[in-house]
Amino acid sequence: MAGTGFFGWLRSNSEHYLLIAAHRKLARTQGAPAPRPPKGAKEIFWLKVFAPTYALLPWSLRSRIMRAMPGSHRQQWADPPRPQGPAV
């Protein structure tokens, strides 16, 4: 799971079902077989409600939401080391 607690669960489920939704869309546009239809309330919610709603949000709002949530996407990476002379 990507993190712990609620935000980790939310991120993990979001990534999983958005990937499935992307596969379904790609299969539709390419005429390929799609992933199996959603089964149960959980899959129906994520694929029929969450994924289409998320796709309608402007990127600026999606970005703000992601930055506000704790998780690895907020990690501050160290700057790359400075070159120390010629590489060869």
Protein backbone atom coordinates (compact mmCIF):
# COMPACT_ATOMS: atom_id res chain seq x y z
CA MET A 1 0.00 0.00 0.00
CA ALA A 2 1.22 3.51 -0.77
CA GLY A 3 1.50 4.87 2.77
CA THR A 4 -0.53 4.01 5.81
CA GLY A 5 -3.95 4.83 7.09
CA PHE A 6 -6.77 6.43 5.18
CA PHE A 7 -4.66 8.43 2.73
CA GLY A 8 -2.60 5.37 1.82
CA TRP A 9 -5.78 3.38 1.24
CA LEU A 10 -7.27 6.20 -0.84
CA ARG A 11 -4.15 6.58 -2.96
CA SER A 12 -3.82 2.84 -3.52
CA ASN A 13 -7.46 2.41 -4.56
CA SER A 14 -7.42 5.55 -6.70
CA GLU A 15 -4.34 4.41 -8.61
CA HIS A 16 -5.71 0.89 -9.07
CA TYR A 17 -9.14 1.87 -10.37
CA LEU A 18 -7.91 4.81 -12.47
CA LEU A 19 -5.55 2.36 -14.19
CA ILE A 20 -8.42 -0.04 -14.89
CA ALA A 21 -10.52 2.86 -16.21
CA ALA A 22 -7.65 3.88 -18.50
CA HIS A 23 -7.37 0.29 -19.76
CA ARG A 24 -11.11 0.23 -20.47
CA LYS A 25 -10.90 3.52 -22.39
CA LEU A 26 -7.87 2.39 -24.39
CA ALA A 27 -9.54 -0.94 -25.23
CA ARG A 28 -12.64 0.93 -26.40
CA THR A 29 -10.65 3.26 -28.67
CA GLN A 30 -8.45 0.46 -30.06
CA GLY A 31 -11.21 -2.12 -30.47
CA ALA A 32 -9.44 -4.51 -28.09
CA PRO A 33 -11.03 -6.64 -25.37
CA ALA A 34 -11.69 -4.59 -22.22
CA PRO A 35 -11.06 -5.68 -18.63
CA ARG A 36 -13.96 -7.54 -17.07
CA PRO A 37 -16.96 -5.42 -16.03
CA PRO A 38 -17.06 -4.14 -12.44
CA LYS A 39 -18.50 -6.54 -9.86
CA GLY A 40 -19.93 -5.48 -6.54
CA ALA A 41 -20.63 -2.09 -5.02
CA LYS A 42 -16.96 -1.26 -4.40
CA GLU A 43 -15.86 -1.74 -8.03
CA ILE A 44 -19.00 -0.07 -9.38
CA PHE A 45 -18.35 3.00 -7.21
CA TRP A 46 -14.68 3.31 -8.17
CA LEU A 47 -15.19 2.65 -11.90
CA LYS A 48 -18.59 4.23 -12.53
CA VAL A 49 -18.50 7.17 -10.08
CA PHE A 50 -14.96 7.99 -8.93
CA ALA A 51 -12.99 7.52 -12.17
CA PRO A 52 -15.38 9.53 -14.40
CA THR A 53 -15.66 12.29 -11.79
CA TYR A 54 -11.89 12.45 -11.39
CA ALA A 55 -11.48 12.67 -15.18
CA LEU A 56 -13.78 15.71 -15.28
CA LEU A 57 -11.77 17.69 -12.71
CA PRO A 58 -9.35 20.25 -14.13
CA TRP A 59 -5.68 19.40 -13.64
CA SER A 60 -5.13 22.40 -11.35
CA LEU A 61 -7.71 21.04 -8.87
CA ARG A 62 -6.40 17.46 -9.09
CA SER A 63 -2.88 18.73 -8.47
CA ARG A 64 -3.95 20.76 -5.43
CA ILE A 65 -5.75 17.75 -3.95
CA MET A 66 -2.72 15.50 -4.44
CA ARG A 67 -0.35 18.06 -2.91
CA ALA A 68 -2.64 18.44 0.12
CA MET A 69 -2.62 14.70 0.85
CA PRO A 70 0.26 13.10 2.70
CA GLY A 71 2.20 10.55 0.66
CA SER A 72 5.29 9.76 -1.37
CA HIS A 73 4.29 12.21 -4.10
CA ARG A 74 5.12 15.01 -1.65
CA GLN A 75 8.61 13.74 -0.87
CA GLN A 76 11.33 16.34 -1.29
CA TRP A 77 14.19 14.81 -3.24
CA ALA A 78 17.77 15.94 -2.74
CA ASP A 79 19.36 17.97 -5.50
CA PRO A 80 21.61 15.95 -7.82
CA PRO A 81 25.32 16.14 -7.00
CA ARG A 82 27.36 18.81 -8.76
CA PRO A 83 29.77 17.64 -11.46
CA GLN A 84 33.31 17.18 -10.12
CA GLY A 85 35.29 17.81 -13.29
CA PRO A 86 35.35 15.88 -16.55
CA ALA A 87 33.36 12.64 -16.74
CA VAL A 88 36.17 10.88 -18.57
